[in-house]
Amino acid sequence: MTLGWAVAYTTARGCQCRRKRGRLLDTRNESRIIASRAYRWGVGRMKIYAFKIDSPDGGAAISFEEVINYLNGLPLDQRHNSEMRLEEVQTSSRRYRLEFSRLRNAVLPGKATQQTPTQALGLAANESVSEETAALFCSVTNTLVVQFNMFGPQRGSIQDYMNFFSLHAARALGRPNPAGRCFDIAAYINQNVQAQFNRLQLFRRLEMKVATPPVSNQQRQAGLSLGAVVDMGLAGGTQDAVIELSAGRKKASTLSPQFVSSALRFLRGSGAGHVEKLRVTGKQHQDAAIEELDLVDAILKAESRVAPGGDRRLPRFSRWQALEDTLEQWRRDGLLP
């Protein structure tokens, strides 16, 4: 049986589209229809993001691929760090299918039917809930395509995990200790939008909304001023942080370029999957026309439908296949190398 697929993605022109069986469809007004069908058919919707792996400091000591191979040679119980581990690795032609998991000691719901009362799920004392995140790594282009799981490993935790084991992997290979952080994982952004953003000299307005903001050291490294503003939104225990800033009325007035750039870095980094809105309005010079950029739409992302298995989990191989299909579609469309 062949699993039907549909992928929503951002084109080179910045439009949200969905390709199904060779046809390109506008999906800006389809979200409610897709959601109702997914519920009726029992199909899980899986968000997918594409990331570029860079080596900012000590990357020359060891590669992302070498750390994967090092971890794959360890017993499962030696792969843990901060309740997270690389669970499974499959390799084919320098392309790696990865499964990360996080053991979550959560308060659990019960199970029941219409005829039977609620009872415990039946986890043993030494068992935890395991939240899974599938990923696909292409070592030739240093591209990492990742399933988004709100409760599972995400971009930031995967980055921390791989950096932690880079030191152990370098030692095992007889390499010098890395001089600093080996890997930065940042979301791909539409190159045309990035070029347009780079040309802006005067930033007139910024609108940003972050859902359940992930406050972390990585966020503050992305931009201290931005982190401080997001923290202010969390001070009262709110789940959303909303930022709206406008420059003065003079033609040459501008918001801080450093702040606006830090917002974009936050979107590409620890905010990936959490930033619901990031819109920047600006001009190339004081007499130029106003330009408005929707930077959330510019992040390379997709959505795929995956049918749950008999145990109601999204099967690992189906999730991997969705990542493979999405990566190949992005490459055909010229959105990824």
C-alpha atoms as a PDB file:
ATOM      1  CA  MET A   1       0.000   0.000   0.000  1.00  0.00           C
ATOM      2  CA  THR A   2       1.356   3.419  -0.949  1.00  0.00           C
ATOM      3  CA  LEU A   3       0.854   6.218   1.558  1.00  0.00           C
ATOM      4  CA  GLY A   4      -0.538   9.315  -0.170  1.00  0.00           C
ATOM      5  CA  TRP A   5       1.302  12.513   0.550  1.00  0.00           C
ATOM      6  CA  ALA A   6       0.833  16.238   0.358  1.00  0.00           C
ATOM      7  CA  VAL A   7       3.526  18.768   1.254  1.00  0.00           C
ATOM      8  CA  ALA A   8       2.992  22.443   2.016  1.00  0.00           C
ATOM      9  CA  TYR A   9       6.038  24.610   1.537  1.00  0.00           C
ATOM     10  CA  THR A  10       7.321  28.116   0.835  1.00  0.00           C
ATOM     11  CA  THR A  11       8.213  28.754  -2.792  1.00  0.00           C
ATOM     12  CA  ALA A  12      11.046  30.967  -4.020  1.00  0.00           C
ATOM     13  CA  ARG A  13       8.450  33.746  -4.386  1.00  0.00           C
ATOM     14  CA  GLY A  14       7.397  33.412  -0.749  1.00  0.00           C
ATOM     15  CA  CYS A  15       3.970  31.858  -1.439  1.00  0.00           C
ATOM     16  CA  GLN A  16       2.606  29.032   0.683  1.00  0.00           C
ATOM     17  CA  CYS A  17       1.769  26.184  -1.682  1.00  0.00           C
ATOM     18  CA  ARG A  18       1.086  22.477  -1.580  1.00  0.00           C
ATOM     19  CA  ARG A  19       2.251  19.995  -4.188  1.00  0.00           C
ATOM     20  CA  LYS A  20       0.161  16.860  -4.634  1.00  0.00           C
ATOM     21  CA  ARG A  21       0.678  14.382  -7.449  1.00  0.00           C
ATOM     22  CA  GLY A  22       2.522  16.925  -9.564  1.00  0.00           C
ATOM     23  CA  ARG A  23       0.061  19.803  -9.135  1.00  0.00           C
ATOM     24  CA  LEU A  24       0.909  23.049  -7.378  1.00  0.00           C
ATOM     25  CA  LEU A  25      -1.961  24.344  -5.268  1.00  0.00           C
ATOM     26  CA  ASP A  26      -2.429  27.505  -3.224  1.00  0.00           C
ATOM     27  CA  THR A  27      -3.011  26.432   0.412  1.00  0.00           C
ATOM     28  CA  ARG A  28      -3.463  29.754   2.176  1.00  0.00           C
ATOM     29  CA  ASN A  29      -7.189  29.030   2.697  1.00  0.00           C
ATOM     30  CA  GLU A  30      -6.939  25.246   3.047  1.00  0.00           C
ATOM     31  CA  SER A  31      -5.781  24.846   6.633  1.00  0.00           C
ATOM     32  CA  ARG A  32      -9.271  24.395   8.099  1.00  0.00           C
ATOM     33  CA  ILE A  33     -10.257  21.884   5.412  1.00  0.00           C
ATOM     34  CA  ILE A  34      -7.058  19.847   5.875  1.00  0.00           C
ATOM     35  CA  ALA A  35      -7.492  19.868   9.657  1.00  0.00           C
ATOM     36  CA  SER A  36     -11.065  18.523   9.428  1.00  0.00           C
ATOM     37  CA  ARG A  37     -10.024  15.801   6.966  1.00  0.00           C
ATOM     38  CA  ALA A  38      -7.055  14.825   9.117  1.00  0.00           C
ATOM     39  CA  TYR A  39      -9.361  14.420  12.097  1.00  0.00           C
ATOM     40  CA  ARG A  40     -11.927  12.384  10.145  1.00  0.00           C
ATOM     41  CA  TRP A  41      -9.344  10.100   8.517  1.00  0.00           C
ATOM     42  CA  GLY A  42      -7.261   9.644  11.629  1.00  0.00           C
ATOM     43  CA  VAL A  43      -4.170  11.060   9.918  1.00  0.00           C
ATOM     44  CA  GLY A  44      -1.461  12.861  11.894  1.00  0.00           C
ATOM     45  CA  ARG A  45      -0.147  16.171  10.572  1.00  0.00           C
ATOM     46  CA  MET A  46       3.620  16.457  10.901  1.00  0.00           C
ATOM     47  CA  LYS A  47       5.460  19.772  10.623  1.00  0.00           C
ATOM     48  CA  ILE A  48       8.904  19.656   9.045  1.00  0.00           C
ATOM     49  CA  TYR A  49      11.743  22.206   9.160  1.00  0.00           C
ATOM     50  CA  ALA A  50      15.047  22.400   7.286  1.00  0.00           C
ATOM     51  CA  PHE A  51      18.231  23.478   9.076  1.00  0.00           C
ATOM     52  CA  LYS A  52      21.783  24.276   8.049  1.00  0.00           C
ATOM     53  CA  ILE A  53      24.574  22.961  10.286  1.00  0.00           C
ATOM     54  CA  ASP A  54      27.463  25.398  10.647  1.00  0.00           C
ATOM     55  CA  SER A  55      30.724  25.077  12.573  1.00  0.00           C
ATOM     56  CA  PRO A  56      31.261  28.383  14.417  1.00  0.00           C
ATOM     57  CA  ASP A  57      34.157  27.629  16.768  1.00  0.00           C
ATOM     58  CA  GLY A  58      35.649  24.184  17.181  1.00  0.00           C
ATOM     59  CA  GLY A  59      34.020  22.517  14.198  1.00  0.00           C
ATOM     60  CA  ALA A  60      37.317  21.773  12.477  1.00  0.00           C
ATOM     61  CA  ALA A  61      38.050  19.199  15.185  1.00  0.00           C
ATOM     62  CA  ILE A  62      35.150  16.924  14.257  1.00  0.00           C
ATOM     63  CA  SER A  63      32.170  16.784  11.910  1.00  0.00           C
ATOM     64  CA  PHE A  64      28.471  16.289  12.631  1.00  0.00           C
ATOM     65  CA  GLU A  65      28.664  13.027  10.675  1.00  0.00           C
ATOM     66  CA  GLU A  66      31.514  11.725  12.843  1.00  0.00           C
ATOM     67  CA  VAL A  67      29.562  12.451  16.025  1.00  0.00           C
ATOM     68  CA  ILE A  68      26.587  10.508  14.631  1.00  0.00           C
ATOM     69  CA  ASN A  69      28.803   7.528  13.846  1.00  0.00           C
ATOM     70  CA  TYR A  70      30.400   7.731  17.303  1.00  0.00           C
ATOM     71  CA  LEU A  71      27.001   7.698  19.006  1.00  0.00           C
ATOM     72  CA  ASN A  72      25.785   4.872  16.804  1.00  0.00           C
ATOM     73  CA  GLY A  73      28.668   2.744  18.100  1.00  0.00           C
ATOM     74  CA  LEU A  74      27.673   3.246  21.744  1.00  0.00           C
ATOM     75  CA  PRO A  75      25.234   1.049  23.691  1.00  0.00           C
ATOM     76  CA  LEU A  76      21.846   2.704  24.104  1.00  0.00           C
ATOM     77  CA  ASP A  77      22.349   3.377  27.826  1.00  0.00           C
ATOM     78  CA  GLN A  78      25.540   5.361  27.102  1.00  0.00           C
ATOM     79  CA  ARG A  79      23.903   7.750  24.657  1.00  0.00           C
ATOM     80  CA  HIS A  80      21.970   9.725  27.273  1.00  0.00           C
ATOM     81  CA  ASN A  81      22.401  13.396  28.095  1.00  0.00           C
ATOM     82  CA  SER A  82      19.728  15.502  29.811  1.00  0.00           C
ATOM     83  CA  GLU A  83      17.109  12.743  29.422  1.00  0.00           C
ATOM     84  CA  MET A  84      17.730  12.708  25.670  1.00  0.00           C
ATOM     85  CA  ARG A  85      19.398  10.204  23.372  1.00  0.00           C
ATOM     86  CA  LEU A  86      19.968   9.311  19.747  1.00  0.00           C
ATOM     87  CA  GLU A  87      17.744   6.243  19.593  1.00  0.00           C
ATOM     88  CA  GLU A  88      18.230   4.910  16.072  1.00  0.00           C
ATOM     89  CA  VAL A  89      20.532   5.537  13.088  1.00  0.00           C
ATOM     90  CA  GLN A  90      20.197   4.198   9.554  1.00  0.00           C
ATOM     91  CA  THR A  91      22.712   5.113   6.869  1.00  0.00           C
ATOM     92  CA  SER A  92      22.561   5.133   3.076  1.00  0.00           C
ATOM     93  CA  SER A  93      24.987   6.971   0.762  1.00  0.00           C
ATOM     94  CA  ARG A  94      26.061   9.520   3.395  1.00  0.00           C
ATOM     95  CA  ARG A  95      22.438  10.266   4.217  1.00  0.00           C
ATOM     96  CA  TYR A  96      21.444   9.456   7.789  1.00  0.00           C
ATOM     97  CA  ARG A  97      17.985   8.656   9.086  1.00  0.00           C
ATOM     98  CA  LEU A  98      17.944   9.624  12.765  1.00  0.00           C
ATOM     99  CA  GLU A  99      15.503   9.147  15.631  1.00  0.00           C
ATOM    100  CA  PHE A 100      16.030  11.268  18.732  1.00  0.00           C
ATOM    101  CA  SER A 101      14.001  10.604  21.862  1.00  0.00           C
ATOM    102  CA  ARG A 102      13.398  12.333  25.169  1.00  0.00           C
ATOM    103  CA  LEU A 103      12.406  10.335  28.240  1.00  0.00           C
ATOM    104  CA  ARG A 104       9.729  12.392  29.931  1.00  0.00           C
ATOM    105  CA  ASN A 105       8.678  11.664  33.508  1.00  0.00           C
ATOM    106  CA  ALA A 106       5.247  13.197  33.167  1.00  0.00           C
ATOM    107  CA  VAL A 107       1.982  12.900  35.050  1.00  0.00           C
ATOM    108  CA  LEU A 108       0.049  10.498  32.840  1.00  0.00           C
ATOM    109  CA  PRO A 109      -3.599  10.303  31.773  1.00  0.00           C
ATOM    110  CA  GLY A 110      -5.532   7.091  32.165  1.00  0.00           C
ATOM    111  CA  LYS A 111      -7.132   4.805  29.587  1.00  0.00           C
ATOM    112  CA  ALA A 112     -10.783   3.835  29.243  1.00  0.00           C
ATOM    113  CA  THR A 113     -13.534   2.810  26.854  1.00  0.00           C
ATOM    114  CA  GLN A 114     -17.178   3.798  26.746  1.00  0.00           C
ATOM    115  CA  GLN A 115     -17.964   0.629  28.675  1.00  0.00           C
ATOM    116  CA  THR A 116     -15.025   0.421  31.129  1.00  0.00           C
ATOM    117  CA  PRO A 117     -13.838   2.818  33.834  1.00  0.00           C
ATOM    118  CA  THR A 118     -10.582   4.740  33.603  1.00  0.00           C
ATOM    119  CA  GLN A 119      -7.489   2.860  34.679  1.00  0.00           C
ATOM    120  CA  ALA A 120      -3.709   3.356  34.648  1.00  0.00           C
ATOM    121  CA  LEU A 121      -1.750   3.071  31.425  1.00  0.00           C
ATOM    122  CA  GLY A 122       0.460   0.506  33.107  1.00  0.00           C
ATOM    123  CA  LEU A 123       3.976   1.942  32.918  1.00  0.00           C
ATOM    124  CA  ALA A 124       6.484   0.192  35.180  1.00  0.00           C
ATOM    125  CA  ALA A 125       8.303   2.183  37.879  1.00  0.00           C
ATOM    126  CA  ASN A 126      11.458   2.448  35.755  1.00  0.00           C
ATOM    127  CA  GLU A 127       9.621   3.385  32.529  1.00  0.00           C
ATOM    128  CA  SER A 128       9.030   6.877  31.141  1.00  0.00           C
ATOM    129  CA  VAL A 129       7.071   8.432  28.342  1.00  0.00           C
ATOM    130  CA  SER A 130       9.346   8.570  25.272  1.00  0.00           C
ATOM    131  CA  GLU A 131       8.833  11.549  22.958  1.00  0.00           C
ATOM    132  CA  GLU A 132      10.273  10.898  19.503  1.00  0.00           C
ATOM    133  CA  THR A 133      11.655  13.257  16.861  1.00  0.00           C
ATOM    134  CA  ALA A 134      12.680  11.988  13.428  1.00  0.00           C
ATOM    135  CA  ALA A 135      15.446  13.707  11.484  1.00  0.00           C
ATOM    136  CA  LEU A 136      17.269  13.286   8.189  1.00  0.00           C
ATOM    137  CA  PHE A 137      20.888  14.428   7.829  1.00  0.00           C
ATOM    138  CA  CYS A 138      22.591  14.902   4.464  1.00  0.00           C
ATOM    139  CA  SER A 139      26.337  15.048   5.141  1.00  0.00           C
ATOM    140  CA  VAL A 140      27.203  16.327   1.643  1.00  0.00           C
ATOM    141  CA  THR A 141      25.291  19.600   2.163  1.00  0.00           C
ATOM    142  CA  ASN A 142      25.237  19.657   6.004  1.00  0.00           C
ATOM    143  CA  THR A 143      21.445  19.857   5.884  1.00  0.00           C
ATOM    144  CA  LEU A 144      19.279  18.552   8.728  1.00  0.00           C
ATOM    145  CA  VAL A 145      15.552  18.046   8.091  1.00  0.00           C
ATOM    146  CA  VAL A 146      13.645  17.643  11.354  1.00  0.00           C
ATOM    147  CA  GLN A 147      10.157  16.657  12.430  1.00  0.00           C
ATOM    148  CA  PHE A 148       8.683  19.214  14.850  1.00  0.00           C
ATOM    149  CA  ASN A 149       7.479  17.644  18.104  1.00  0.00           C
ATOM    150  CA  MET A 150       6.398  20.121  20.764  1.00  0.00           C
ATOM    151  CA  PHE A 151       7.319  17.730  23.601  1.00  0.00           C
ATOM    152  CA  GLY A 152      10.202  15.894  21.963  1.00  0.00           C
ATOM    153  CA  PRO A 153      13.762  16.937  21.076  1.00  0.00           C
ATOM    154  CA  GLN A 154      13.851  20.114  19.015  1.00  0.00           C
ATOM    155  CA  ARG A 155      16.488  22.168  17.228  1.00  0.00           C
ATOM    156  CA  GLY A 156      18.033  23.650  20.379  1.00  0.00           C
ATOM    157  CA  SER A 157      18.192  20.431  22.374  1.00  0.00           C
ATOM    158  CA  ILE A 158      19.576  18.505  19.379  1.00  0.00           C
ATOM    159  CA  GLN A 159      22.251  21.188  18.986  1.00  0.00           C
ATOM    160  CA  ASP A 160      23.185  20.982  22.685  1.00  0.00           C
ATOM    161  CA  TYR A 161      23.178  17.175  22.596  1.00  0.00           C
ATOM    162  CA  MET A 162      25.464  16.927  19.567  1.00  0.00           C
ATOM    163  CA  ASN A 163      27.822  19.571  20.955  1.00  0.00           C
ATOM    164  CA  PHE A 164      28.022  17.676  24.255  1.00  0.00           C
ATOM    165  CA  PHE A 165      29.052  14.434  22.537  1.00  0.00           C
ATOM    166  CA  SER A 166      31.418  16.169  20.090  1.00  0.00           C
ATOM    167  CA  LEU A 167      34.033  16.341  22.877  1.00  0.00           C
ATOM    168  CA  HIS A 168      33.716  12.605  23.599  1.00  0.00           C
ATOM    169  CA  ALA A 169      33.792  11.747  19.903  1.00  0.00           C
ATOM    170  CA  ALA A 170      36.922  13.854  19.305  1.00  0.00           C
ATOM    171  CA  ARG A 171      38.712  12.117  22.172  1.00  0.00           C
ATOM    172  CA  ALA A 172      37.674   8.687  20.891  1.00  0.00           C
ATOM    173  CA  LEU A 173      39.114   9.538  17.475  1.00  0.00           C
ATOM    174  CA  GLY A 174      42.362  10.872  18.962  1.00  0.00           C
ATOM    175  CA  ARG A 175      41.583  14.457  17.926  1.00  0.00           C
ATOM    176  CA  PRO A 176      42.377  17.631  19.875  1.00  0.00           C
ATOM    177  CA  ASN A 177      39.584  18.853  22.096  1.00  0.00           C
ATOM    178  CA  PRO A 178      37.273  21.253  20.214  1.00  0.00           C
ATOM    179  CA  ALA A 179      38.167  24.869  20.933  1.00  0.00           C
ATOM    180  CA  GLY A 180      34.535  25.862  21.373  1.00  0.00           C
ATOM    181  CA  ARG A 181      31.048  24.999  20.245  1.00  0.00           C
ATOM    182  CA  CYS A 182      31.266  22.665  17.253  1.00  0.00           C
ATOM    183  CA  PHE A 183      27.788  23.053  15.754  1.00  0.00           C
ATOM    184  CA  ASP A 184      25.194  25.730  15.214  1.00  0.00           C
ATOM    185  CA  ILE A 185      21.872  24.569  13.782  1.00  0.00           C
ATOM    186  CA  ALA A 186      19.920  27.372  12.092  1.00  0.00           C
ATOM    187  CA  ALA A 187      16.781  27.277   9.952  1.00  0.00           C
ATOM    188  CA  TYR A 188      17.035  27.823   6.216  1.00  0.00           C
ATOM    189  CA  ILE A 189      15.398  31.023   5.053  1.00  0.00           C
ATOM    190  CA  ASN A 190      14.226  31.997   1.589  1.00  0.00           C
ATOM    191  CA  GLN A 191      17.297  33.490  -0.106  1.00  0.00           C
ATOM    192  CA  ASN A 192      15.310  36.183  -1.939  1.00  0.00           C
ATOM    193  CA  VAL A 193      13.718  37.348   1.313  1.00  0.00           C
ATOM    194  CA  GLN A 194      17.112  37.277   3.075  1.00  0.00           C
ATOM    195  CA  ALA A 195      18.613  39.455   0.314  1.00  0.00           C
ATOM    196  CA  GLN A 196      15.670  41.874   0.565  1.00  0.00           C
ATOM    197  CA  PHE A 197      16.098  42.033   4.347  1.00  0.00           C
ATOM    198  CA  ASN A 198      19.833  42.726   3.966  1.00  0.00           C
ATOM    199  CA  ARG A 199      19.105  45.720   1.722  1.00  0.00           C
ATOM    200  CA  LEU A 200      16.903  47.433   4.301  1.00  0.00           C
ATOM    201  CA  GLN A 201      18.645  50.295   6.092  1.00  0.00           C
ATOM    202  CA  LEU A 202      15.717  51.860   7.975  1.00  0.00           C
ATOM    203  CA  PHE A 203      13.435  49.617  10.016  1.00  0.00           C
ATOM    204  CA  ARG A 204      10.110  51.342  10.621  1.00  0.00           C
ATOM    205  CA  ARG A 205       8.062  48.654  12.375  1.00  0.00           C
ATOM    206  CA  LEU A 206       8.410  45.186  13.893  1.00  0.00           C
ATOM    207  CA  GLU A 207       5.566  42.855  14.909  1.00  0.00           C
ATOM    208  CA  MET A 208       6.362  39.586  16.636  1.00  0.00           C
ATOM    209  CA  LYS A 209       4.368  36.900  18.456  1.00  0.00           C
ATOM    210  CA  VAL A 210       5.995  33.955  20.236  1.00  0.00           C
ATOM    211  CA  ALA A 211       3.889  31.041  21.523  1.00  0.00           C
ATOM    212  CA  THR A 212       5.148  29.392  24.740  1.00  0.00           C
ATOM    213  CA  PRO A 213       8.555  31.083  24.316  1.00  0.00           C
ATOM    214  CA  PRO A 214      11.539  28.773  24.973  1.00  0.00           C
ATOM    215  CA  VAL A 215      13.631  30.842  27.382  1.00  0.00           C
ATOM    216  CA  SER A 216      17.162  29.438  27.348  1.00  0.00           C
ATOM    217  CA  ASN A 217      20.814  30.391  27.195  1.00  0.00           C
ATOM    218  CA  GLN A 218      20.694  29.792  23.441  1.00  0.00           C
ATOM    219  CA  GLN A 219      17.923  32.359  23.122  1.00  0.00           C
ATOM    220  CA  ARG A 220      19.903  34.967  24.988  1.00  0.00           C
ATOM    221  CA  GLN A 221      22.952  34.232  22.855  1.00  0.00           C
ATOM    222  CA  ALA A 222      20.760  34.890  19.831  1.00  0.00           C
ATOM    223  CA  GLY A 223      20.101  38.404  21.137  1.00  0.00           C
ATOM    224  CA  LEU A 224      20.209  39.672  24.709  1.00  0.00           C
ATOM    225  CA  SER A 225      17.821  42.538  24.101  1.00  0.00           C
ATOM    226  CA  LEU A 226      15.286  40.262  22.434  1.00  0.00           C
ATOM    227  CA  GLY A 227      15.543  37.720  25.240  1.00  0.00           C
ATOM    228  CA  ALA A 228      14.890  40.444  27.812  1.00  0.00           C
ATOM    229  CA  VAL A 229      11.729  41.569  26.011  1.00  0.00           C
ATOM    230  CA  VAL A 230      10.431  38.010  25.669  1.00  0.00           C
ATOM    231  CA  ASP A 231      11.147  37.414  29.366  1.00  0.00           C
ATOM    232  CA  MET A 232       8.998  40.451  30.158  1.00  0.00           C
ATOM    233  CA  GLY A 233       6.106  38.767  28.363  1.00  0.00           C
ATOM    234  CA  LEU A 234       6.547  35.715  30.575  1.00  0.00           C
ATOM    235  CA  ALA A 235       6.723  37.622  33.852  1.00  0.00           C
ATOM    236  CA  GLY A 236       3.008  37.221  34.510  1.00  0.00           C
ATOM    237  CA  GLY A 237       2.906  33.575  33.486  1.00  0.00           C
ATOM    238  CA  THR A 238       1.536  34.281  30.016  1.00  0.00           C
ATOM    239  CA  GLN A 239       1.832  31.710  27.246  1.00  0.00           C
ATOM    240  CA  ASP A 240       2.284  34.249  24.421  1.00  0.00           C
ATOM    241  CA  ALA A 241       4.742  37.101  24.145  1.00  0.00           C
ATOM    242  CA  VAL A 242       3.715  39.865  21.709  1.00  0.00           C
ATOM    243  CA  ILE A 243       6.121  42.594  20.616  1.00  0.00           C
ATOM    244  CA  GLU A 244       5.065  45.609  18.510  1.00  0.00           C
ATOM    245  CA  LEU A 245       7.605  48.370  17.958  1.00  0.00           C
ATOM    246  CA  SER A 246       7.472  51.463  15.738  1.00  0.00           C
ATOM    247  CA  ALA A 247      10.139  54.008  14.862  1.00  0.00           C
ATOM    248  CA  GLY A 248       9.648  57.761  15.246  1.00  0.00           C
ATOM    249  CA  ARG A 249       7.795  59.941  12.738  1.00  0.00           C
ATOM    250  CA  LYS A 250      10.870  61.435  11.103  1.00  0.00           C
ATOM    251  CA  LYS A 251      11.736  59.982   7.690  1.00  0.00           C
ATOM    252  CA  ALA A 252      15.181  58.854   8.873  1.00  0.00           C
ATOM    253  CA  SER A 253      13.954  57.265  12.120  1.00  0.00           C
ATOM    254  CA  THR A 254      14.672  53.569  12.534  1.00  0.00           C
ATOM    255  CA  LEU A 255      14.395  50.781  15.055  1.00  0.00           C
ATOM    256  CA  SER A 256      17.656  49.333  16.284  1.00  0.00           C
ATOM    257  CA  PRO A 257      19.079  47.233  13.411  1.00  0.00           C
ATOM    258  CA  GLN A 258      20.780  45.032  16.033  1.00  0.00           C
ATOM    259  CA  PHE A 259      17.432  44.280  17.669  1.00  0.00           C
ATOM    260  CA  VAL A 260      15.725  43.485  14.350  1.00  0.00           C
ATOM    261  CA  SER A 261      18.631  41.231  13.328  1.00  0.00           C
ATOM    262  CA  SER A 262      18.478  39.453  16.688  1.00  0.00           C
ATOM    263  CA  ALA A 263      14.769  38.775  16.092  1.00  0.00           C
ATOM    264  CA  LEU A 264      15.626  37.086  12.793  1.00  0.00           C
ATOM    265  CA  ARG A 265      18.400  35.051  14.448  1.00  0.00           C
ATOM    266  CA  PHE A 266      15.943  34.018  17.151  1.00  0.00           C
ATOM    267  CA  LEU A 267      13.457  32.905  14.488  1.00  0.00           C
ATOM    268  CA  ARG A 268      16.120  30.820  12.713  1.00  0.00           C
ATOM    269  CA  GLY A 269      17.442  29.398  15.990  1.00  0.00           C
ATOM    270  CA  SER A 270      15.691  28.626  19.250  1.00  0.00           C
ATOM    271  CA  GLY A 271      12.423  30.217  18.120  1.00  0.00           C
ATOM    272  CA  ALA A 272      11.927  27.858  15.178  1.00  0.00           C
ATOM    273  CA  GLY A 273       8.475  26.313  15.530  1.00  0.00           C
ATOM    274  CA  HIS A 274       7.491  28.752  18.308  1.00  0.00           C
ATOM    275  CA  VAL A 275       7.427  32.121  16.522  1.00  0.00           C
ATOM    276  CA  GLU A 276       3.933  32.562  15.100  1.00  0.00           C
ATOM    277  CA  LYS A 277       4.497  36.008  13.631  1.00  0.00           C
ATOM    278  CA  LEU A 278       7.522  38.098  12.664  1.00  0.00           C
ATOM    279  CA  ARG A 279       6.777  40.943  10.275  1.00  0.00           C
ATOM    280  CA  VAL A 280       9.271  43.699   9.530  1.00  0.00           C
ATOM    281  CA  THR A 281       8.519  46.950   7.688  1.00  0.00           C
ATOM    282  CA  GLY A 282      11.379  49.094   6.410  1.00  0.00           C
ATOM    283  CA  LYS A 283      13.031  51.068   3.611  1.00  0.00           C
ATOM    284  CA  GLN A 284      16.334  50.875   1.762  1.00  0.00           C
ATOM    285  CA  HIS A 285      16.790  54.627   2.308  1.00  0.00           C
ATOM    286  CA  GLN A 286      14.649  57.447   3.619  1.00  0.00           C
ATOM    287  CA  ASP A 287      13.136  58.329   0.220  1.00  0.00           C
ATOM    288  CA  ALA A 288      12.534  54.709  -0.851  1.00  0.00           C
ATOM    289  CA  ALA A 289       9.210  52.885  -0.871  1.00  0.00           C
ATOM    290  CA  ILE A 290       8.085  51.005   2.216  1.00  0.00           C
ATOM    291  CA  GLU A 291       8.703  47.238   2.079  1.00  0.00           C
ATOM    292  CA  GLU A 292       7.035  44.650   4.331  1.00  0.00           C
ATOM    293  CA  LEU A 293       8.589  41.242   4.945  1.00  0.00           C
ATOM    294  CA  ASP A 294       6.804  38.286   6.533  1.00  0.00           C
ATOM    295  CA  LEU A 295       9.816  36.412   7.886  1.00  0.00           C
ATOM    296  CA  VAL A 296       7.875  33.473   9.329  1.00  0.00           C
ATOM    297  CA  ASP A 297       6.645  32.638   5.820  1.00  0.00           C
ATOM    298  CA  ALA A 298      10.249  32.866   4.608  1.00  0.00           C
ATOM    299  CA  ILE A 299      11.426  30.049   6.890  1.00  0.00           C
ATOM    300  CA  LEU A 300      11.653  26.796   4.944  1.00  0.00           C
ATOM    301  CA  LYS A 301       8.985  24.541   6.403  1.00  0.00           C
ATOM    302  CA  ALA A 302       6.502  21.921   5.317  1.00  0.00           C
ATOM    303  CA  GLU A 303       3.594  19.866   6.573  1.00  0.00           C
ATOM    304  CA  SER A 304       3.041  16.210   5.746  1.00  0.00           C
ATOM    305  CA  ARG A 305       0.274  13.788   6.626  1.00  0.00           C
ATOM    306  CA  VAL A 306       1.316  10.526   8.265  1.00  0.00           C
ATOM    307  CA  ALA A 307      -1.128   7.744   9.153  1.00  0.00           C
ATOM    308  CA  PRO A 308      -0.814   6.419  12.735  1.00  0.00           C
ATOM    309  CA  GLY A 309       0.037   2.746  13.219  1.00  0.00           C
ATOM    310  CA  GLY A 310      -1.953   0.169  15.143  1.00  0.00           C
ATOM    311  CA  ASP A 311      -0.410   1.426  18.403  1.00  0.00           C
ATOM    312  CA  ARG A 312      -1.596   5.001  17.533  1.00  0.00           C
ATOM    313  CA  ARG A 313       1.971   6.268  17.212  1.00  0.00           C
ATOM    314  CA  LEU A 314       3.222   7.827  13.999  1.00  0.00           C
ATOM    315  CA  PRO A 315       5.411   5.014  12.597  1.00  0.00           C
ATOM    316  CA  ARG A 316       9.118   5.771  12.470  1.00  0.00           C
ATOM    317  CA  PHE A 317       9.550   4.655   8.871  1.00  0.00           C
ATOM    318  CA  SER A 318       6.546   6.697   7.735  1.00  0.00           C
ATOM    319  CA  ARG A 319       7.988   9.792   9.398  1.00  0.00           C
ATOM    320  CA  TRP A 320      11.385   9.157   7.816  1.00  0.00           C
ATOM    321  CA  GLN A 321       9.733   8.713   4.418  1.00  0.00           C
ATOM    322  CA  ALA A 322       7.880  12.013   4.846  1.00  0.00           C
ATOM    323  CA  LEU A 323      11.211  13.723   5.563  1.00  0.00           C
ATOM    324  CA  GLU A 324      12.787  12.081   2.485  1.00  0.00           C
ATOM    325  CA  ASP A 325       9.885  13.137   0.232  1.00  0.00           C
ATOM    326  CA  THR A 326       9.980  16.705   1.542  1.00  0.00           C
ATOM    327  CA  LEU A 327      13.746  17.017   1.146  1.00  0.00           C
ATOM    328  CA  GLU A 328      13.597  15.778  -2.446  1.00  0.00           C
ATOM    329  CA  GLN A 329      10.716  18.152  -3.246  1.00  0.00           C
ATOM    330  CA  TRP A 330      12.633  21.116  -1.834  1.00  0.00           C
ATOM    331  CA  ARG A 331      15.671  20.143  -3.904  1.00  0.00           C
ATOM    332  CA  ARG A 332      13.595  19.835  -7.087  1.00  0.00           C
ATOM    333  CA  ASP A 333      12.171  23.280  -6.429  1.00  0.00           C
ATOM    334  CA  GLY A 334      15.632  24.745  -5.932  1.00  0.00           C
ATOM    335  CA  LEU A 335      15.016  25.640  -2.281  1.00  0.00           C
ATOM    336  CA  LEU A 336      17.808  23.440  -0.898  1.00  0.00           C
ATOM    337  CA  PRO A 337      21.233  22.456  -2.237  1.00  0.00           C
END
